[in-house]
Amino acid sequence: MKALVVVDYQVDFVNGALGFEGAELLEPVIVEKIEKTRAEGGKIIFTLDTHYENYLETAEGKKLPVPHCIDGSDGHKLFGKVAQCVDMRTDIVIKKRAFGSTDLAVILKKFAWSFAGW
């Protein structure tokens, strides 16, 4: 079985605080990959870059002083049709507080082990 990890495809990275021209063009490709993986019985994992109201006081906020992906804000949400693809019964959604995610690593390790018969 395979897994698809959709990394931080959030409003603030598409057309919000840190968005960029053309980011919205990724949406149909991501949706297609989600649908294909799901149809093949694969697991879908979504990550959300997650910050809080004190973002500008954090180490990252001091280096990148652009508030973004504040938990509970519209910018924190997954973008467009990708957001509509989330199935809370079967998918995994990880709120990560840094570029790397130890939570994601642990989940992927468990996922790999479970299908390797360990």
PDB file of N, CA and C in Angstrom:
ATOM      1  N   MET A   1       0.842  -1.177   0.000  1.00  0.00           N
ATOM      2  CA  MET A   1       0.000   0.000   0.000  1.00  0.00           C
ATOM      3  C   MET A   1       0.888   1.241   0.000  1.00  0.00           C
ATOM      4  N   LYS A   2       0.401   2.275  -0.651  1.00  0.00           N
ATOM      5  CA  LYS A   2       1.182   3.500  -0.670  1.00  0.00           C
ATOM      6  C   LYS A   2       0.467   4.605   0.083  1.00  0.00           C
ATOM      7  N   ALA A   3       1.213   5.637   0.348  1.00  0.00           N
ATOM      8  CA  ALA A   3       0.668   6.802   1.028  1.00  0.00           C
ATOM      9  C   ALA A   3       1.018   8.043   0.220  1.00  0.00           C
ATOM     10  N   LEU A   4       0.129   9.004   0.264  1.00  0.00           N
ATOM     11  CA  LEU A   4       0.366  10.304  -0.357  1.00  0.00           C
ATOM     12  C   LEU A   4       0.399  11.332   0.759  1.00  0.00           C
ATOM     13  N   VAL A   5       1.451  12.141   0.785  1.00  0.00           N
ATOM     14  CA  VAL A   5       1.551  13.211   1.771  1.00  0.00           C
ATOM     15  C   VAL A   5       1.361  14.537   1.036  1.00  0.00           C
ATOM     16  N   VAL A   6       0.320  15.245   1.394  1.00  0.00           N
ATOM     17  CA  VAL A   6       0.044  16.566   0.833  1.00  0.00           C
ATOM     18  C   VAL A   6       0.579  17.577   1.838  1.00  0.00           C
ATOM     19  N   VAL A   7       1.644  18.258   1.454  1.00  0.00           N
ATOM     20  CA  VAL A   7       2.372  19.115   2.388  1.00  0.00           C
ATOM     21  C   VAL A   7       1.963  20.581   2.256  1.00  0.00           C
ATOM     22  N   ASP A   8       1.333  21.096   3.301  1.00  0.00           N
ATOM     23  CA  ASP A   8       1.102  22.536   3.486  1.00  0.00           C
ATOM     24  C   ASP A   8       0.456  23.240   2.297  1.00  0.00           C
ATOM     25  N   TYR A   9      -0.491  22.597   1.622  1.00  0.00           N
ATOM     26  CA  TYR A   9      -1.177  23.284   0.521  1.00  0.00           C
ATOM     27  C   TYR A   9      -2.306  24.113   1.122  1.00  0.00           C
ATOM     28  N   GLN A  10      -1.908  25.189   1.774  1.00  0.00           N
ATOM     29  CA  GLN A  10      -2.801  26.026   2.557  1.00  0.00           C
ATOM     30  C   GLN A  10      -3.019  27.379   1.888  1.00  0.00           C
ATOM     31  N   VAL A  11      -4.122  28.009   2.243  1.00  0.00           N
ATOM     32  CA  VAL A  11      -4.497  29.296   1.654  1.00  0.00           C
ATOM     33  C   VAL A  11      -3.347  30.296   1.719  1.00  0.00           C
ATOM     34  N   ASP A  12      -2.691  30.416   2.867  1.00  0.00           N
ATOM     35  CA  ASP A  12      -1.613  31.407   2.981  1.00  0.00           C
ATOM     36  C   ASP A  12      -0.441  31.130   2.052  1.00  0.00           C
ATOM     37  N   PHE A  13      -0.260  29.895   1.615  1.00  0.00           N
ATOM     38  CA  PHE A  13       0.836  29.579   0.701  1.00  0.00           C
ATOM     39  C   PHE A  13       0.399  29.614  -0.767  1.00  0.00           C
ATOM     40  N   VAL A  14      -0.900  29.734  -1.001  1.00  0.00           N
ATOM     41  CA  VAL A  14      -1.400  29.785  -2.374  1.00  0.00           C
ATOM     42  C   VAL A  14      -1.710  31.225  -2.774  1.00  0.00           C
ATOM     43  N   ASN A  15      -2.658  31.844  -2.074  1.00  0.00           N
ATOM     44  CA  ASN A  15      -2.999  33.227  -2.428  1.00  0.00           C
ATOM     45  C   ASN A  15      -3.111  34.130  -1.199  1.00  0.00           C
ATOM     46  N   GLY A  16      -2.491  33.700  -0.120  1.00  0.00           N
ATOM     47  CA  GLY A  16      -2.522  34.476   1.117  1.00  0.00           C
ATOM     48  C   GLY A  16      -1.193  35.157   1.390  1.00  0.00           C
ATOM     49  N   ALA A  17      -0.838  35.231   2.650  1.00  0.00           N
ATOM     50  CA  ALA A  17       0.330  35.990   3.113  1.00  0.00           C
ATOM     51  C   ALA A  17       1.627  35.619   2.407  1.00  0.00           C
ATOM     52  N   LEU A  18       1.834  34.349   2.106  1.00  0.00           N
ATOM     53  CA  LEU A  18       3.063  33.897   1.437  1.00  0.00           C
ATOM     54  C   LEU A  18       2.747  33.200   0.113  1.00  0.00           C
ATOM     55  N   GLY A  19       1.607  33.535  -0.463  1.00  0.00           N
ATOM     56  CA  GLY A  19       1.207  32.939  -1.730  1.00  0.00           C
ATOM     57  C   GLY A  19       2.082  33.421  -2.877  1.00  0.00           C
ATOM     58  N   PHE A  20       1.982  32.720  -3.994  1.00  0.00           N
ATOM     59  CA  PHE A  20       2.753  33.119  -5.167  1.00  0.00           C
ATOM     60  C   PHE A  20       1.953  32.819  -6.435  1.00  0.00           C
ATOM     61  N   GLU A  21       2.211  33.589  -7.446  1.00  0.00           N
ATOM     62  CA  GLU A  21       1.498  33.440  -8.711  1.00  0.00           C
ATOM     63  C   GLU A  21       1.690  32.029  -9.262  1.00  0.00           C
ATOM     64  N   GLY A  22       0.607  31.402  -9.616  1.00  0.00           N
ATOM     65  CA  GLY A  22       0.654  30.063 -10.188  1.00  0.00           C
ATOM     66  C   GLY A  22       0.448  28.947  -9.194  1.00  0.00           C
ATOM     67  N   ALA A  23       0.469  29.248  -7.889  1.00  0.00           N
ATOM     68  CA  ALA A  23       0.308  28.190  -6.876  1.00  0.00           C
ATOM     69  C   ALA A  23      -1.042  27.501  -7.003  1.00  0.00           C
ATOM     70  N   GLU A  24      -2.056  28.253  -7.425  1.00  0.00           N
ATOM     71  CA  GLU A  24      -3.394  27.672  -7.563  1.00  0.00           C
ATOM     72  C   GLU A  24      -3.447  26.628  -8.677  1.00  0.00           C
ATOM     73  N   LEU A  25      -2.483  26.672  -9.591  1.00  0.00           N
ATOM     74  CA  LEU A  25      -2.447  25.706 -10.688  1.00  0.00           C
ATOM     75  C   LEU A  25      -2.101  24.300 -10.208  1.00  0.00           C
ATOM     76  N   LEU A  26      -1.570  24.198  -9.009  1.00  0.00           N
ATOM     77  CA  LEU A  26      -1.257  22.887  -8.431  1.00  0.00           C
ATOM     78  C   LEU A  26      -2.507  22.153  -7.955  1.00  0.00           C
ATOM     79  N   GLU A  27      -3.566  22.895  -7.699  1.00  0.00           N
ATOM     80  CA  GLU A  27      -4.776  22.318  -7.112  1.00  0.00           C
ATOM     81  C   GLU A  27      -5.320  21.114  -7.884  1.00  0.00           C
ATOM     82  N   PRO A  28      -5.574  21.197  -9.202  1.00  0.00           N
ATOM     83  CA  PRO A  28      -6.137  20.027  -9.885  1.00  0.00           C
ATOM     84  C   PRO A  28      -5.199  18.824  -9.893  1.00  0.00           C
ATOM     85  N   VAL A  29      -3.921  19.072  -9.917  1.00  0.00           N
ATOM     86  CA  VAL A  29      -2.941  17.979  -9.901  1.00  0.00           C
ATOM     87  C   VAL A  29      -2.979  17.268  -8.554  1.00  0.00           C
ATOM     88  N   ILE A  30      -3.025  18.049  -7.483  1.00  0.00           N
ATOM     89  CA  ILE A  30      -3.070  17.471  -6.138  1.00  0.00           C
ATOM     90  C   ILE A  30      -4.373  16.699  -5.945  1.00  0.00           C
ATOM     91  N   VAL A  31      -5.489  17.272  -6.373  1.00  0.00           N
ATOM     92  CA  VAL A  31      -6.783  16.598  -6.237  1.00  0.00           C
ATOM     93  C   VAL A  31      -6.766  15.275  -7.005  1.00  0.00           C
ATOM     94  N   GLU A  32      -6.207  15.290  -8.201  1.00  0.00           N
ATOM     95  CA  GLU A  32      -6.126  14.057  -9.003  1.00  0.00           C
ATOM     96  C   GLU A  32      -5.294  12.989  -8.290  1.00  0.00           C
ATOM     97  N   LYS A  33      -4.184  13.397  -7.715  1.00  0.00           N
ATOM     98  CA  LYS A  33      -3.329  12.439  -6.993  1.00  0.00           C
ATOM     99  C   LYS A  33      -4.035  11.884  -5.760  1.00  0.00           C
ATOM    100  N   ILE A  34      -4.783  12.736  -5.064  1.00  0.00           N
ATOM    101  CA  ILE A  34      -5.546  12.280  -3.897  1.00  0.00           C
ATOM    102  C   ILE A  34      -6.573  11.239  -4.335  1.00  0.00           C
ATOM    103  N   GLU A  35      -7.324  11.556  -5.367  1.00  0.00           N
ATOM    104  CA  GLU A  35      -8.368  10.641  -5.846  1.00  0.00           C
ATOM    105  C   GLU A  35      -7.775   9.313  -6.314  1.00  0.00           C
ATOM    106  N   LYS A  36      -6.650   9.367  -7.017  1.00  0.00           N
ATOM    107  CA  LYS A  36      -6.004   8.149  -7.514  1.00  0.00           C
ATOM    108  C   LYS A  36      -5.493   7.295  -6.345  1.00  0.00           C
ATOM    109  N   THR A  37      -4.817   7.934  -5.396  1.00  0.00           N
ATOM    110  CA  THR A  37      -4.291   7.202  -4.239  1.00  0.00           C
ATOM    111  C   THR A  37      -5.423   6.567  -3.452  1.00  0.00           C
ATOM    112  N   ARG A  38      -6.490   7.318  -3.247  1.00  0.00           N
ATOM    113  CA  ARG A  38      -7.637   6.787  -2.506  1.00  0.00           C
ATOM    114  C   ARG A  38      -8.262   5.611  -3.253  1.00  0.00           C
ATOM    115  N   ALA A  39      -8.420   5.727  -4.577  1.00  0.00           N
ATOM    116  CA  ALA A  39      -9.016   4.655  -5.389  1.00  0.00           C
ATOM    117  C   ALA A  39      -8.169   3.382  -5.345  1.00  0.00           C
ATOM    118  N   GLU A  40      -6.859   3.547  -5.170  1.00  0.00           N
ATOM    119  CA  GLU A  40      -5.947   2.403  -5.096  1.00  0.00           C
ATOM    120  C   GLU A  40      -5.805   1.876  -3.667  1.00  0.00           C
ATOM    121  N   GLY A  41      -6.582   2.433  -2.740  1.00  0.00           N
ATOM    122  CA  GLY A  41      -6.541   1.959  -1.357  1.00  0.00           C
ATOM    123  C   GLY A  41      -5.419   2.548  -0.530  1.00  0.00           C
ATOM    124  N   GLY A  42      -4.782   3.595  -1.024  1.00  0.00           N
ATOM    125  CA  GLY A  42      -3.676   4.218  -0.302  1.00  0.00           C
ATOM    126  C   GLY A  42      -4.146   5.125   0.816  1.00  0.00           C
ATOM    127  N   LYS A  43      -3.214   5.529   1.624  1.00  0.00           N
ATOM    128  CA  LYS A  43      -3.469   6.406   2.772  1.00  0.00           C
ATOM    129  C   LYS A  43      -3.134   7.840   2.371  1.00  0.00           C
ATOM    130  N   ILE A  44      -3.950   8.799   2.806  1.00  0.00           N
ATOM    131  CA  ILE A  44      -3.702  10.209   2.534  1.00  0.00           C
ATOM    132  C   ILE A  44      -3.343  10.888   3.850  1.00  0.00           C
ATOM    133  N   ILE A  45      -2.240  11.626   3.825  1.00  0.00           N
ATOM    134  CA  ILE A  45      -1.784  12.381   4.987  1.00  0.00           C
ATOM    135  C   ILE A  45      -1.635  13.836   4.562  1.00  0.00           C
ATOM    136  N   PHE A  46      -2.247  14.730   5.301  1.00  0.00           N
ATOM    137  CA  PHE A  46      -2.147  16.162   5.038  1.00  0.00           C
ATOM    138  C   PHE A  46      -1.344  16.800   6.166  1.00  0.00           C
ATOM    139  N   THR A  47      -0.435  17.701   5.808  1.00  0.00           N
ATOM    140  CA  THR A  47       0.241  18.477   6.848  1.00  0.00           C
ATOM    141  C   THR A  47      -0.223  19.922   6.746  1.00  0.00           C
ATOM    142  N   LEU A  48      -0.288  20.564   7.895  1.00  0.00           N
ATOM    143  CA  LEU A  48      -0.664  21.966   7.987  1.00  0.00           C
ATOM    144  C   LEU A  48       0.423  22.721   8.741  1.00  0.00           C
ATOM    145  N   ASP A  49       1.048  23.664   8.066  1.00  0.00           N
ATOM    146  CA  ASP A  49       1.960  24.565   8.756  1.00  0.00           C
ATOM    147  C   ASP A  49       1.090  25.301   9.772  1.00  0.00           C
ATOM    148  N   THR A  50       1.484  25.277  11.029  1.00  0.00           N
ATOM    149  CA  THR A  50       0.610  25.805  12.077  1.00  0.00           C
ATOM    150  C   THR A  50       1.376  26.727  13.007  1.00  0.00           C
ATOM    151  N   HIS A  51       0.872  27.945  13.108  1.00  0.00           N
ATOM    152  CA  HIS A  51       1.439  28.934  14.027  1.00  0.00           C
ATOM    153  C   HIS A  51       0.307  29.504  14.868  1.00  0.00           C
ATOM    154  N   TYR A  52       0.700  30.316  15.831  1.00  0.00           N
ATOM    155  CA  TYR A  52      -0.266  30.881  16.762  1.00  0.00           C
ATOM    156  C   TYR A  52      -0.102  32.390  16.806  1.00  0.00           C
ATOM    157  N   GLU A  53      -0.959  33.051  17.559  1.00  0.00           N
ATOM    158  CA  GLU A  53      -0.975  34.517  17.597  1.00  0.00           C
ATOM    159  C   GLU A  53       0.382  35.121  17.965  1.00  0.00           C
ATOM    160  N   ASN A  54       1.202  34.392  18.691  1.00  0.00           N
ATOM    161  CA  ASN A  54       2.522  34.904  19.103  1.00  0.00           C
ATOM    162  C   ASN A  54       3.606  34.645  18.054  1.00  0.00           C
ATOM    163  N   TYR A  55       3.218  34.344  16.830  1.00  0.00           N
ATOM    164  CA  TYR A  55       4.174  33.958  15.780  1.00  0.00           C
ATOM    165  C   TYR A  55       5.364  34.914  15.675  1.00  0.00           C
ATOM    166  N   LEU A  56       5.120  36.209  15.679  1.00  0.00           N
ATOM    167  CA  LEU A  56       6.217  37.170  15.502  1.00  0.00           C
ATOM    168  C   LEU A  56       7.221  37.137  16.650  1.00  0.00           C
ATOM    169  N   GLU A  57       6.852  36.536  17.769  1.00  0.00           N
ATOM    170  CA  GLU A  57       7.757  36.415  18.917  1.00  0.00           C
ATOM    171  C   GLU A  57       8.597  35.138  18.859  1.00  0.00           C
ATOM    172  N   THR A  58       8.289  34.241  17.929  1.00  0.00           N
ATOM    173  CA  THR A  58       9.011  32.975  17.831  1.00  0.00           C
ATOM    174  C   THR A  58      10.291  33.141  17.014  1.00  0.00           C
ATOM    175  N   ALA A  59      11.165  32.145  17.078  1.00  0.00           N
ATOM    176  CA  ALA A  59      12.419  32.193  16.310  1.00  0.00           C
ATOM    177  C   ALA A  59      12.125  32.325  14.815  1.00  0.00           C
ATOM    178  N   GLU A  60      11.169  31.547  14.320  1.00  0.00           N
ATOM    179  CA  GLU A  60      10.829  31.648  12.890  1.00  0.00           C
ATOM    180  C   GLU A  60      10.258  33.019  12.564  1.00  0.00           C
ATOM    181  N   GLY A  61       9.385  33.521  13.431  1.00  0.00           N
ATOM    182  CA  GLY A  61       8.751  34.818  13.211  1.00  0.00           C
ATOM    183  C   GLY A  61       9.744  35.970  13.174  1.00  0.00           C
ATOM    184  N   LYS A  62      10.841  35.820  13.885  1.00  0.00           N
ATOM    185  CA  LYS A  62      11.875  36.858  13.868  1.00  0.00           C
ATOM    186  C   LYS A  62      12.678  36.805  12.571  1.00  0.00           C
ATOM    187  N   LYS A  63      12.798  35.626  11.975  1.00  0.00           N
ATOM    188  CA  LYS A  63      13.531  35.471  10.707  1.00  0.00           C
ATOM    189  C   LYS A  63      12.630  35.726   9.506  1.00  0.00           C
ATOM    190  N   LEU A  64      11.357  35.383   9.632  1.00  0.00           N
ATOM    191  CA  LEU A  64      10.369  35.571   8.558  1.00  0.00           C
ATOM    192  C   LEU A  64       9.179  36.315   9.168  1.00  0.00           C
ATOM    193  N   PRO A  65       9.302  37.640   9.265  1.00  0.00           N
ATOM    194  CA  PRO A  65       8.272  38.412   9.973  1.00  0.00           C
ATOM    195  C   PRO A  65       6.996  38.636   9.152  1.00  0.00           C
ATOM    196  N   VAL A  66       6.423  37.551   8.674  1.00  0.00           N
ATOM    197  CA  VAL A  66       5.159  37.595   7.938  1.00  0.00           C
ATOM    198  C   VAL A  66       4.217  36.602   8.608  1.00  0.00           C
ATOM    199  N   PRO A  67       3.279  37.088   9.413  1.00  0.00           N
ATOM    200  CA  PRO A  67       2.347  36.162  10.048  1.00  0.00           C
ATOM    201  C   PRO A  67       1.612  35.342   8.977  1.00  0.00           C
ATOM    202  N   HIS A  68       1.581  34.040   9.176  1.00  0.00           N
ATOM    203  CA  HIS A  68       0.935  33.146   8.217  1.00  0.00           C
ATOM    204  C   HIS A  68       0.500  31.867   8.916  1.00  0.00           C
ATOM    205  N   CYS A  69      -0.492  31.224   8.338  1.00  0.00           N
ATOM    206  CA  CYS A  69      -0.977  29.926   8.828  1.00  0.00           C
ATOM    207  C   CYS A  69      -1.253  29.945  10.332  1.00  0.00           C
ATOM    208  N   ILE A  70      -1.900  31.023  10.784  1.00  0.00           N
ATOM    209  CA  ILE A  70      -2.255  31.133  12.193  1.00  0.00           C
ATOM    210  C   ILE A  70      -3.451  30.210  12.444  1.00  0.00           C
ATOM    211  N   ASP A  71      -3.300  29.300  13.382  1.00  0.00           N
ATOM    212  CA  ASP A  71      -4.335  28.308  13.677  1.00  0.00           C
ATOM    213  C   ASP A  71      -5.689  28.999  13.868  1.00  0.00           C
ATOM    214  N   GLY A  72      -6.690  28.506  13.152  1.00  0.00           N
ATOM    215  CA  GLY A  72      -8.031  29.069  13.240  1.00  0.00           C
ATOM    216  C   GLY A  72      -8.324  30.146  12.208  1.00  0.00           C
ATOM    217  N   SER A  73      -7.298  30.632  11.515  1.00  0.00           N
ATOM    218  CA  SER A  73      -7.514  31.670  10.505  1.00  0.00           C
ATOM    219  C   SER A  73      -7.841  31.039   9.153  1.00  0.00           C
ATOM    220  N   ASP A  74      -8.368  31.836   8.238  1.00  0.00           N
ATOM    221  CA  ASP A  74      -8.638  31.337   6.890  1.00  0.00           C
ATOM    222  C   ASP A  74      -7.344  30.903   6.198  1.00  0.00           C
ATOM    223  N   GLY A  75      -6.248  31.602   6.465  1.00  0.00           N
ATOM    224  CA  GLY A  75      -4.965  31.270   5.847  1.00  0.00           C
ATOM    225  C   GLY A  75      -4.413  29.921   6.265  1.00  0.00           C
ATOM    226  N   HIS A  76      -4.871  29.409   7.402  1.00  0.00           N
ATOM    227  CA  HIS A  76      -4.414  28.117   7.916  1.00  0.00           C
ATOM    228  C   HIS A  76      -5.094  26.947   7.207  1.00  0.00           C
ATOM    229  N   LYS A  77      -6.249  27.194   6.618  1.00  0.00           N
ATOM    230  CA  LYS A  77      -7.037  26.130   5.994  1.00  0.00           C
ATOM    231  C   LYS A  77      -6.376  25.603   4.724  1.00  0.00           C
ATOM    232  N   LEU A  78      -6.648  24.350   4.403  1.00  0.00           N
ATOM    233  CA  LEU A  78      -6.228  23.811   3.117  1.00  0.00           C
ATOM    234  C   LEU A  78      -6.926  24.601   2.020  1.00  0.00           C
ATOM    235  N   PHE A  79      -6.273  24.695   0.875  1.00  0.00           N
ATOM    236  CA  PHE A  79      -6.784  25.519  -0.217  1.00  0.00           C
ATOM    237  C   PHE A  79      -7.836  24.795  -1.050  1.00  0.00           C
ATOM    238  N   GLY A  80      -8.903  25.498  -1.371  1.00  0.00           N
ATOM    239  CA  GLY A  80      -9.886  25.109  -2.370  1.00  0.00           C
ATOM    240  C   GLY A  80     -10.383  23.679  -2.315  1.00  0.00           C
ATOM    241  N   LYS A  81     -10.331  23.028  -3.470  1.00  0.00           N
ATOM    242  CA  LYS A  81     -10.861  21.669  -3.606  1.00  0.00           C
ATOM    243  C   LYS A  81     -10.045  20.651  -2.819  1.00  0.00           C
ATOM    244  N   VAL A  82      -8.801  20.974  -2.533  1.00  0.00           N
ATOM    245  CA  VAL A  82      -7.984  20.066  -1.721  1.00  0.00           C
ATOM    246  C   VAL A  82      -8.622  19.936  -0.340  1.00  0.00           C
ATOM    247  N   ALA A  83      -9.117  21.043   0.199  1.00  0.00           N
ATOM    248  CA  ALA A  83      -9.780  21.012   1.508  1.00  0.00           C
ATOM    249  C   ALA A  83     -11.005  20.103   1.474  1.00  0.00           C
ATOM    250  N   GLN A  84     -11.699  20.087   0.357  1.00  0.00           N
ATOM    251  CA  GLN A  84     -12.897  19.266   0.218  1.00  0.00           C
ATOM    252  C   GLN A  84     -12.569  17.779   0.100  1.00  0.00           C
ATOM    253  N   CYS A  85     -11.326  17.452  -0.173  1.00  0.00           N
ATOM    254  CA  CYS A  85     -10.908  16.054  -0.331  1.00  0.00           C
ATOM    255  C   CYS A  85     -10.640  15.349   0.992  1.00  0.00           C
ATOM    256  N   VAL A  86     -10.498  16.091   2.068  1.00  0.00           N
ATOM    257  CA  VAL A  86     -10.158  15.486   3.354  1.00  0.00           C
ATOM    258  C   VAL A  86     -11.320  14.638   3.871  1.00  0.00           C
ATOM    259  N   ASP A  87     -10.994  13.397   4.201  1.00  0.00           N
ATOM    260  CA  ASP A  87     -11.959  12.490   4.816  1.00  0.00           C
ATOM    261  C   ASP A  87     -11.476  12.242   6.241  1.00  0.00           C
ATOM    262  N   MET A  88     -12.117  12.889   7.192  1.00  0.00           N
ATOM    263  CA  MET A  88     -11.664  12.813   8.584  1.00  0.00           C
ATOM    264  C   MET A  88     -11.799  11.415   9.174  1.00  0.00           C
ATOM    265  N   ARG A  89     -12.533  10.523   8.499  1.00  0.00           N
ATOM    266  CA  ARG A  89     -12.672   9.148   9.003  1.00  0.00           C
ATOM    267  C   ARG A  89     -11.436   8.309   8.678  1.00  0.00           C
ATOM    268  N   THR A  90     -10.754   8.641   7.564  1.00  0.00           N
ATOM    269  CA  THR A  90      -9.662   7.780   7.117  1.00  0.00           C
ATOM    270  C   THR A  90      -8.329   8.504   6.939  1.00  0.00           C
ATOM    271  N   ASP A  91      -8.367   9.797   6.691  1.00  0.00           N
ATOM    272  CA  ASP A  91      -7.134  10.538   6.439  1.00  0.00           C
ATOM    273  C   ASP A  91      -6.487  10.981   7.747  1.00  0.00           C
ATOM    274  N   ILE A  92      -5.222  11.318   7.650  1.00  0.00           N
ATOM    275  CA  ILE A  92      -4.486  11.851   8.792  1.00  0.00           C
ATOM    276  C   ILE A  92      -4.168  13.305   8.490  1.00  0.00           C
ATOM    277  N   VAL A  93      -4.443  14.193   9.447  1.00  0.00           N
ATOM    278  CA  VAL A  93      -4.122  15.609   9.313  1.00  0.00           C
ATOM    279  C   VAL A  93      -3.185  15.967  10.458  1.00  0.00           C
ATOM    280  N   ILE A  94      -2.015  16.462  10.100  1.00  0.00           N
ATOM    281  CA  ILE A  94      -0.996  16.798  11.099  1.00  0.00           C
ATOM    282  C   ILE A  94      -0.782  18.304  11.124  1.00  0.00           C
ATOM    283  N   LYS A  95      -0.969  18.920  12.278  1.00  0.00           N
ATOM    284  CA  LYS A  95      -0.613  20.320  12.462  1.00  0.00           C
ATOM    285  C   LYS A  95       0.845  20.341  12.900  1.00  0.00           C
ATOM    286  N   LYS A  96       1.700  20.897  12.051  1.00  0.00           N
ATOM    287  CA  LYS A  96       3.119  20.925  12.405  1.00  0.00           C
ATOM    288  C   LYS A  96       3.551  22.359  12.695  1.00  0.00           C
ATOM    289  N   ARG A  97       4.394  22.493  13.692  1.00  0.00           N
ATOM    290  CA  ARG A  97       4.803  23.818  14.157  1.00  0.00           C
ATOM    291  C   ARG A  97       6.147  24.263  13.605  1.00  0.00           C
ATOM    292  N   ALA A  98       6.771  23.442  12.786  1.00  0.00           N
ATOM    293  CA  ALA A  98       8.067  23.790  12.214  1.00  0.00           C
ATOM    294  C   ALA A  98       8.159  23.193  10.813  1.00  0.00           C
ATOM    295  N   PHE A  99       9.211  23.553  10.089  1.00  0.00           N
ATOM    296  CA  PHE A  99       9.371  23.046   8.725  1.00  0.00           C
ATOM    297  C   PHE A  99       9.392  21.523   8.713  1.00  0.00           C
ATOM    298  N   GLY A 100      10.148  20.938   9.614  1.00  0.00           N
ATOM    299  CA  GLY A 100      10.183  19.488   9.744  1.00  0.00           C
ATOM    300  C   GLY A 100       9.081  19.037  10.680  1.00  0.00           C
ATOM    301  N   SER A 101       8.755  17.771  10.631  1.00  0.00           N
ATOM    302  CA  SER A 101       7.708  17.266  11.505  1.00  0.00           C
ATOM    303  C   SER A 101       8.086  15.896  12.028  1.00  0.00           C
ATOM    304  N   THR A 102       8.391  15.825  13.304  1.00  0.00           N
ATOM    305  CA  THR A 102       8.680  14.519  13.886  1.00  0.00           C
ATOM    306  C   THR A 102       7.410  13.670  13.933  1.00  0.00           C
ATOM    307  N   ASP A 103       6.249  14.322  14.072  1.00  0.00           N
ATOM    308  CA  ASP A 103       4.983  13.577  14.051  1.00  0.00           C
ATOM    309  C   ASP A 103       4.816  12.849  12.721  1.00  0.00           C
ATOM    310  N   LEU A 104       5.105  13.537  11.624  1.00  0.00           N
ATOM    311  CA  LEU A 104       5.006  12.918  10.306  1.00  0.00           C
ATOM    312  C   LEU A 104       5.991  11.759  10.182  1.00  0.00           C
ATOM    313  N   ALA A 105       7.198  11.943  10.673  1.00  0.00           N
ATOM    314  CA  ALA A 105       8.197  10.873  10.612  1.00  0.00           C
ATOM    315  C   ALA A 105       7.725   9.641  11.381  1.00  0.00           C
ATOM    316  N   VAL A 106       7.163   9.845  12.552  1.00  0.00           N
ATOM    317  CA  VAL A 106       6.673   8.724  13.362  1.00  0.00           C
ATOM    318  C   VAL A 106       5.537   8.007  12.639  1.00  0.00           C
ATOM    319  N   ILE A 107       4.609   8.756  12.087  1.00  0.00           N
ATOM    320  CA  ILE A 107       3.481   8.154  11.372  1.00  0.00           C
ATOM    321  C   ILE A 107       3.966   7.371  10.159  1.00  0.00           C
ATOM    322  N   LEU A 108       4.873   7.940   9.391  1.00  0.00           N
ATOM    323  CA  LEU A 108       5.380   7.240   8.202  1.00  0.00           C
ATOM    324  C   LEU A 108       6.153   5.981   8.584  1.00  0.00           C
ATOM    325  N   LYS A 109       6.883   6.049   9.680  1.00  0.00           N
ATOM    326  CA  LYS A 109       7.617   4.876  10.143  1.00  0.00           C
ATOM    327  C   LYS A 109       6.645   3.769  10.547  1.00  0.00           C
ATOM    328  N   LYS A 110       5.617   4.113  11.302  1.00  0.00           N
ATOM    329  CA  LYS A 110       4.606   3.126  11.699  1.00  0.00           C
ATOM    330  C   LYS A 110       3.880   2.578  10.481  1.00  0.00           C
ATOM    331  N   PHE A 111       3.576   3.450   9.537  1.00  0.00           N
ATOM    332  CA  PHE A 111       2.891   3.057   8.308  1.00  0.00           C
ATOM    333  C   PHE A 111       3.747   2.049   7.539  1.00  0.00           C
ATOM    334  N   ALA A 112       5.015   2.356   7.379  1.00  0.00           N
ATOM    335  CA  ALA A 112       5.929   1.448   6.652  1.00  0.00           C
ATOM    336  C   ALA A 112       6.050   0.128   7.362  1.00  0.00           C
ATOM    337  N   TRP A 113       6.196   0.152   8.678  1.00  0.00           N
ATOM    338  CA  TRP A 113       6.336  -1.084   9.449  1.00  0.00           C
ATOM    339  C   TRP A 113       5.091  -1.942   9.336  1.00  0.00           C
ATOM    340  N   SER A 114       3.926  -1.325   9.375  1.00  0.00           N
ATOM    341  CA  SER A 114       2.689  -2.102   9.353  1.00  0.00           C
ATOM    342  C   SER A 114       2.526  -2.844   8.030  1.00  0.00           C
ATOM    343  N   PHE A 115       3.090  -2.327   6.952  1.00  0.00           N
ATOM    344  CA  PHE A 115       2.945  -2.981   5.657  1.00  0.00           C
ATOM    345  C   PHE A 115       4.150  -3.844   5.317  1.00  0.00           C
ATOM    346  N   ALA A 116       5.173  -3.765   6.144  1.00  0.00           N
ATOM    347  CA  ALA A 116       6.326  -4.634   5.936  1.00  0.00           C
ATOM    348  C   ALA A 116       6.236  -5.869   6.808  1.00  0.00           C
ATOM    349  N   GLY A 117       5.169  -5.937   7.617  1.00  0.00           N
ATOM    350  CA  GLY A 117       4.974  -7.102   8.467  1.00  0.00           C
ATOM    351  C   GLY A 117       5.769  -7.065   9.755  1.00  0.00           C
ATOM    352  N   TRP A 118       6.234  -5.849  10.167  1.00  0.00           N
ATOM    353  CA  TRP A 118       7.009  -5.745  11.412  1.00  0.00           C
ATOM    354  C   TRP A 118       6.111  -5.534  12.582  1.00  0.00           C
TER     355      TRP A 118
END
